[in-house]
PDB file of N, CA and C in Angstrom:
ATOM      1  N   MET A   1      -8.280  21.098  23.851  1.00  0.00           N
ATOM      2  CA  MET A   1      -8.583  19.743  23.419  1.00  0.00           C
ATOM      3  C   MET A   1      -7.413  19.210  22.600  1.00  0.00           C
ATOM      4  N   LEU A   2      -7.169  17.925  22.747  1.00  0.00           N
ATOM      5  CA  LEU A   2      -6.130  17.262  21.964  1.00  0.00           C
ATOM      6  C   LEU A   2      -6.641  16.979  20.559  1.00  0.00           C
ATOM      7  N   HIS A   3      -5.758  17.057  19.599  1.00  0.00           N
ATOM      8  CA  HIS A   3      -6.049  16.671  18.220  1.00  0.00           C
ATOM      9  C   HIS A   3      -5.022  15.605  17.855  1.00  0.00           C
ATOM     10  N   ILE A   4      -5.479  14.406  17.598  1.00  0.00           N
ATOM     11  CA  ILE A   4      -4.591  13.280  17.305  1.00  0.00           C
ATOM     12  C   ILE A   4      -4.885  12.784  15.893  1.00  0.00           C
ATOM     13  N   SER A   5      -3.833  12.669  15.095  1.00  0.00           N
ATOM     14  CA  SER A   5      -3.969  12.147  13.731  1.00  0.00           C
ATOM     15  C   SER A   5      -3.202  10.837  13.643  1.00  0.00           C
ATOM     16  N   ILE A   6      -3.840   9.831  13.099  1.00  0.00           N
ATOM     17  CA  ILE A   6      -3.217   8.524  12.896  1.00  0.00           C
ATOM     18  C   ILE A   6      -3.170   8.297  11.390  1.00  0.00           C
ATOM     19  N   CYS A   7      -1.978   8.045  10.882  1.00  0.00           N
ATOM     20  CA  CYS A   7      -1.802   7.901   9.438  1.00  0.00           C
ATOM     21  C   CYS A   7      -0.953   6.667   9.140  1.00  0.00           C
ATOM     22  N   ASP A   8      -1.497   5.775   8.339  1.00  0.00           N
ATOM     23  CA  ASP A   8      -0.761   4.587   7.911  1.00  0.00           C
ATOM     24  C   ASP A   8      -1.443   4.058   6.663  1.00  0.00           C
ATOM     25  N   ASP A   9      -0.672   3.492   5.763  1.00  0.00           N
ATOM     26  CA  ASP A   9      -1.272   2.974   4.537  1.00  0.00           C
ATOM     27  C   ASP A   9      -1.914   1.602   4.743  1.00  0.00           C
ATOM     28  N   GLU A  10      -1.706   1.011   5.914  1.00  0.00           N
ATOM     29  CA  GLU A  10      -2.343  -0.265   6.235  1.00  0.00           C
ATOM     30  C   GLU A  10      -3.557   0.010   7.123  1.00  0.00           C
ATOM     31  N   ILE A  11      -4.746  -0.222   6.582  1.00  0.00           N
ATOM     32  CA  ILE A  11      -5.984   0.095   7.293  1.00  0.00           C
ATOM     33  C   ILE A  11      -6.070  -0.658   8.613  1.00  0.00           C
ATOM     34  N   VAL A  12      -5.603  -1.899   8.641  1.00  0.00           N
ATOM     35  CA  VAL A  12      -5.634  -2.691   9.876  1.00  0.00           C
ATOM     36  C   VAL A  12      -4.794  -2.011  10.953  1.00  0.00           C
ATOM     37  N   ALA A  13      -3.630  -1.498  10.582  1.00  0.00           N
ATOM     38  CA  ALA A  13      -2.760  -0.803  11.539  1.00  0.00           C
ATOM     39  C   ALA A  13      -3.427   0.469  12.057  1.00  0.00           C
ATOM     40  N   VAL A  14      -4.090   1.199  11.173  1.00  0.00           N
ATOM     41  CA  VAL A  14      -4.791   2.423  11.575  1.00  0.00           C
ATOM     42  C   VAL A  14      -5.869   2.097  12.602  1.00  0.00           C
ATOM     43  N   GLU A  15      -6.641   1.067  12.357  1.00  0.00           N
ATOM     44  CA  GLU A  15      -7.717   0.695  13.283  1.00  0.00           C
ATOM     45  C   GLU A  15      -7.164   0.232  14.630  1.00  0.00           C
ATOM     46  N   LYS A  16      -6.073  -0.536  14.613  1.00  0.00           N
ATOM     47  CA  LYS A  16      -5.457  -0.977  15.866  1.00  0.00           C
ATOM     48  C   LYS A  16      -4.967   0.221  16.671  1.00  0.00           C
ATOM     49  N   MET A  17      -4.301   1.157  16.005  1.00  0.00           N
ATOM     50  CA  MET A  17      -3.806   2.343  16.699  1.00  0.00           C
ATOM     51  C   MET A  17      -4.950   3.190  17.229  1.00  0.00           C
ATOM     52  N   ARG A  18      -6.032   3.326  16.446  1.00  0.00           N
ATOM     53  CA  ARG A  18      -7.189   4.095  16.879  1.00  0.00           C
ATOM     54  C   ARG A  18      -7.799   3.500  18.137  1.00  0.00           C
ATOM     55  N   LYS A  19      -7.901   2.176  18.193  1.00  0.00           N
ATOM     56  CA  LYS A  19      -8.458   1.507  19.372  1.00  0.00           C
ATOM     57  C   LYS A  19      -7.561   1.708  20.592  1.00  0.00           C
ATOM     58  N   ILE A  20      -6.256   1.595  20.408  1.00  0.00           N
ATOM     59  CA  ILE A  20      -5.320   1.794  21.515  1.00  0.00           C
ATOM     60  C   ILE A  20      -5.414   3.220  22.041  1.00  0.00           C
ATOM     61  N   VAL A  21      -5.401   4.181  21.139  1.00  0.00           N
ATOM     62  CA  VAL A  21      -5.499   5.589  21.535  1.00  0.00           C
ATOM     63  C   VAL A  21      -6.823   5.835  22.253  1.00  0.00           C
ATOM     64  N   GLY A  22      -7.900   5.275  21.736  1.00  0.00           N
ATOM     65  CA  GLY A  22      -9.210   5.445  22.351  1.00  0.00           C
ATOM     66  C   GLY A  22      -9.245   4.899  23.772  1.00  0.00           C
ATOM     67  N   LYS A  23      -8.637   3.731  23.996  1.00  0.00           N
ATOM     68  CA  LYS A  23      -8.597   3.136  25.337  1.00  0.00           C
ATOM     69  C   LYS A  23      -7.804   4.001  26.303  1.00  0.00           C
ATOM     70  N   VAL A  24      -6.674   4.513  25.854  1.00  0.00           N
ATOM     71  CA  VAL A  24      -5.838   5.365  26.713  1.00  0.00           C
ATOM     72  C   VAL A  24      -6.587   6.654  27.060  1.00  0.00           C
ATOM     73  N   LEU A  25      -7.210   7.254  26.062  1.00  0.00           N
ATOM     74  CA  LEU A  25      -7.967   8.484  26.317  1.00  0.00           C
ATOM     75  C   LEU A  25      -9.084   8.238  27.334  1.00  0.00           C
ATOM     76  N   GLU A  26      -9.766   7.103  27.201  1.00  0.00           N
ATOM     77  CA  GLU A  26     -10.845   6.774  28.133  1.00  0.00           C
ATOM     78  C   GLU A  26     -10.294   6.537  29.543  1.00  0.00           C
ATOM     79  N   GLN A  27      -9.208   5.781  29.643  1.00  0.00           N
ATOM     80  CA  GLN A  27      -8.602   5.497  30.949  1.00  0.00           C
ATOM     81  C   GLN A  27      -8.151   6.773  31.648  1.00  0.00           C
ATOM     82  N   GLU A  28      -7.617   7.695  30.874  1.00  0.00           N
ATOM     83  CA  GLU A  28      -7.092   8.942  31.442  1.00  0.00           C
ATOM     84  C   GLU A  28      -8.151  10.042  31.500  1.00  0.00           C
ATOM     85  N   GLN A  29      -9.350   9.722  31.049  1.00  0.00           N
ATOM     86  CA  GLN A  29     -10.468  10.654  31.036  1.00  0.00           C
ATOM     87  C   GLN A  29     -10.113  11.953  30.295  1.00  0.00           C
ATOM     88  N   LEU A  30      -9.561  11.772  29.096  1.00  0.00           N
ATOM     89  CA  LEU A  30      -9.173  12.901  28.249  1.00  0.00           C
ATOM     90  C   LEU A  30     -10.092  12.987  27.038  1.00  0.00           C
ATOM     91  N   LEU A  31     -10.380  14.205  26.640  1.00  0.00           N
ATOM     92  CA  LEU A  31     -11.147  14.428  25.417  1.00  0.00           C
ATOM     93  C   LEU A  31     -10.177  14.690  24.273  1.00  0.00           C
ATOM     94  N   ALA A  32     -10.461  14.131  23.127  1.00  0.00           N
ATOM     95  CA  ALA A  32      -9.599  14.349  21.969  1.00  0.00           C
ATOM     96  C   ALA A  32     -10.393  14.176  20.691  1.00  0.00           C
ATOM     97  N   ASN A  33      -9.945  14.854  19.657  1.00  0.00           N
ATOM     98  CA  ASN A  33     -10.455  14.687  18.311  1.00  0.00           C
ATOM     99  C   ASN A  33      -9.450  13.778  17.606  1.00  0.00           C
ATOM    100  N   VAL A  34      -9.863  12.559  17.253  1.00  0.00           N
ATOM    101  CA  VAL A  34      -8.955  11.593  16.633  1.00  0.00           C
ATOM    102  C   VAL A  34      -9.323  11.449  15.167  1.00  0.00           C
ATOM    103  N   GLY A  35      -8.371  11.774  14.298  1.00  0.00           N
ATOM    104  CA  GLY A  35      -8.570  11.626  12.861  1.00  0.00           C
ATOM    105  C   GLY A  35      -7.714  10.502  12.319  1.00  0.00           C
ATOM    106  N   THR A  36      -8.214   9.770  11.346  1.00  0.00           N
ATOM    107  CA  THR A  36      -7.437   8.691  10.739  1.00  0.00           C
ATOM    108  C   THR A  36      -7.279   8.957   9.242  1.00  0.00           C
ATOM    109  N   PHE A  37      -6.111   8.594   8.744  1.00  0.00           N
ATOM    110  CA  PHE A  37      -5.769   8.840   7.341  1.00  0.00           C
ATOM    111  C   PHE A  37      -5.066   7.610   6.776  1.00  0.00           C
ATOM    112  N   GLU A  38      -5.382   7.278   5.531  1.00  0.00           N
ATOM    113  CA  GLU A  38      -4.821   6.091   4.900  1.00  0.00           C
ATOM    114  C   GLU A  38      -3.540   6.353   4.124  1.00  0.00           C
ATOM    115  N   ASN A  39      -3.168   7.622   3.982  1.00  0.00           N
ATOM    116  CA  ASN A  39      -1.904   7.926   3.312  1.00  0.00           C
ATOM    117  C   ASN A  39      -1.470   9.347   3.665  1.00  0.00           C
ATOM    118  N   GLY A  40      -0.205   9.614   3.447  1.00  0.00           N
ATOM    119  CA  GLY A  40       0.352  10.915   3.792  1.00  0.00           C
ATOM    120  C   GLY A  40      -0.277  12.065   3.035  1.00  0.00           C
ATOM    121  N   GLU A  41      -0.620  11.850   1.789  1.00  0.00           N
ATOM    122  CA  GLU A  41      -1.216  12.918   0.982  1.00  0.00           C
ATOM    123  C   GLU A  41      -2.573  13.331   1.554  1.00  0.00           C
ATOM    124  N   GLU A  42      -3.376  12.344   1.943  1.00  0.00           N
ATOM    125  CA  GLU A  42      -4.682  12.629   2.542  1.00  0.00           C
ATOM    126  C   GLU A  42      -4.508  13.427   3.841  1.00  0.00           C
ATOM    127  N   PHE A  43      -3.517  13.030   4.649  1.00  0.00           N
ATOM    128  CA  PHE A  43      -3.235  13.746   5.891  1.00  0.00           C
ATOM    129  C   PHE A  43      -2.831  15.195   5.617  1.00  0.00           C
ATOM    130  N   LEU A  44      -1.899  15.392   4.694  1.00  0.00           N
ATOM    131  CA  LEU A  44      -1.399  16.734   4.410  1.00  0.00           C
ATOM    132  C   LEU A  44      -2.483  17.635   3.827  1.00  0.00           C
ATOM    133  N   ASN A  45      -3.403  17.070   3.050  1.00  0.00           N
ATOM    134  CA  ASN A  45      -4.488  17.873   2.489  1.00  0.00           C
ATOM    135  C   ASN A  45      -5.421  18.417   3.561  1.00  0.00           C
ATOM    136  N   GLN A  46      -5.507  17.730   4.688  1.00  0.00           N
ATOM    137  CA  GLN A  46      -6.404  18.162   5.764  1.00  0.00           C
ATOM    138  C   GLN A  46      -5.642  18.718   6.964  1.00  0.00           C
ATOM    139  N   TYR A  47      -4.321  18.814   6.851  1.00  0.00           N
ATOM    140  CA  TYR A  47      -3.470  19.247   7.956  1.00  0.00           C
ATOM    141  C   TYR A  47      -3.684  20.728   8.285  1.00  0.00           C
ATOM    142  N   ILE A  48      -3.795  21.022   9.568  1.00  0.00           N
ATOM    143  CA  ILE A  48      -3.918  22.394  10.044  1.00  0.00           C
ATOM    144  C   ILE A  48      -2.738  22.672  10.965  1.00  0.00           C
ATOM    145  N   ILE A  49      -1.967  23.719  10.678  1.00  0.00           N
ATOM    146  CA  ILE A  49      -0.821  24.058  11.523  1.00  0.00           C
ATOM    147  C   ILE A  49      -1.329  24.538  12.877  1.00  0.00           C
ATOM    148  N   ARG A  50      -0.769  23.991  13.929  1.00  0.00           N
ATOM    149  CA  ARG A  50      -1.154  24.356  15.291  1.00  0.00           C
ATOM    150  C   ARG A  50       0.089  24.834  16.039  1.00  0.00           C
ATOM    151  N   ASP A  51      -0.136  25.715  16.988  1.00  0.00           N
ATOM    152  CA  ASP A  51       0.972  26.232  17.795  1.00  0.00           C
ATOM    153  C   ASP A  51       1.560  25.172  18.711  1.00  0.00           C
ATOM    154  N   ASP A  52       0.739  24.273  19.174  1.00  0.00           N
ATOM    155  CA  ASP A  52       1.193  23.251  20.120  1.00  0.00           C
ATOM    156  C   ASP A  52       0.921  21.875  19.530  1.00  0.00           C
ATOM    157  N   GLU A  53       1.936  21.274  18.965  1.00  0.00           N
ATOM    158  CA  GLU A  53       1.733  19.969  18.347  1.00  0.00           C
ATOM    159  C   GLU A  53       2.960  19.090  18.520  1.00  0.00           C
ATOM    160  N   LEU A  54       2.701  17.812  18.483  1.00  0.00           N
ATOM    161  CA  LEU A  54       3.745  16.802  18.549  1.00  0.00           C
ATOM    162  C   LEU A  54       3.487  15.838  17.407  1.00  0.00           C
ATOM    163  N   VAL A  55       4.476  15.627  16.565  1.00  0.00           N
ATOM    164  CA  VAL A  55       4.341  14.699  15.445  1.00  0.00           C
ATOM    165  C   VAL A  55       5.273  13.527  15.705  1.00  0.00           C
ATOM    166  N   ILE A  56       4.698  12.343  15.721  1.00  0.00           N
ATOM    167  CA  ILE A  56       5.485  11.117  15.877  1.00  0.00           C
ATOM    168  C   ILE A  56       5.372  10.368  14.572  1.00  0.00           C
ATOM    169  N   GLN A  57       6.515  10.154  13.954  1.00  0.00           N
ATOM    170  CA  GLN A  57       6.519   9.544  12.625  1.00  0.00           C
ATOM    171  C   GLN A  57       7.241   8.212  12.671  1.00  0.00           C
ATOM    172  N   LYS A  58       6.610   7.208  12.092  1.00  0.00           N
ATOM    173  CA  LYS A  58       7.212   5.882  11.998  1.00  0.00           C
ATOM    174  C   LYS A  58       8.323   5.952  10.945  1.00  0.00           C
ATOM    175  N   PRO A  59       9.500   5.373  11.235  1.00  0.00           N
ATOM    176  CA  PRO A  59      10.578   5.373  10.234  1.00  0.00           C
ATOM    177  C   PRO A  59      10.155   4.622   8.977  1.00  0.00           C
ATOM    178  N   HIS A  60      10.623   5.095   7.846  1.00  0.00           N
ATOM    179  CA  HIS A  60      10.321   4.429   6.567  1.00  0.00           C
ATOM    180  C   HIS A  60      11.175   3.174   6.437  1.00  0.00           C
ATOM    181  N   ARG A  61      10.572   2.164   5.851  1.00  0.00           N
ATOM    182  CA  ARG A  61      11.312   0.918   5.612  1.00  0.00           C
ATOM    183  C   ARG A  61      12.007   1.006   4.260  1.00  0.00           C
ATOM    184  N   LYS A  62      13.274   0.622   4.229  1.00  0.00           N
ATOM    185  CA  LYS A  62      13.992   0.589   2.950  1.00  0.00           C
ATOM    186  C   LYS A  62      13.754  -0.763   2.290  1.00  0.00           C
ATOM    187  N   VAL A  63      13.396  -0.712   1.031  1.00  0.00           N
ATOM    188  CA  VAL A  63      13.129  -1.935   0.287  1.00  0.00           C
ATOM    189  C   VAL A  63      14.258  -2.152  -0.689  1.00  0.00           C
ATOM    190  N   GLY A  64      14.766  -3.394  -0.688  1.00  0.00           N
ATOM    191  CA  GLY A  64      15.774  -3.747  -1.673  1.00  0.00           C
ATOM    192  C   GLY A  64      17.179  -3.600  -1.276  1.00  0.00           C
TER     193      GLY A  64
END
């Protein structure tokens, strides 16, 4: 089974990504456990190391 984690500090962005992922999973008839997190600390506290994983990270924006 796939394990997908969506993490962003903007709740609206998290919900949009969750809906997109859900539609793709349904179209492709794939089962997945989708978790959502509002910040990196929350994600890391619940993170489980897996042998087969892919992490896609959004680049950080530089301010100033």
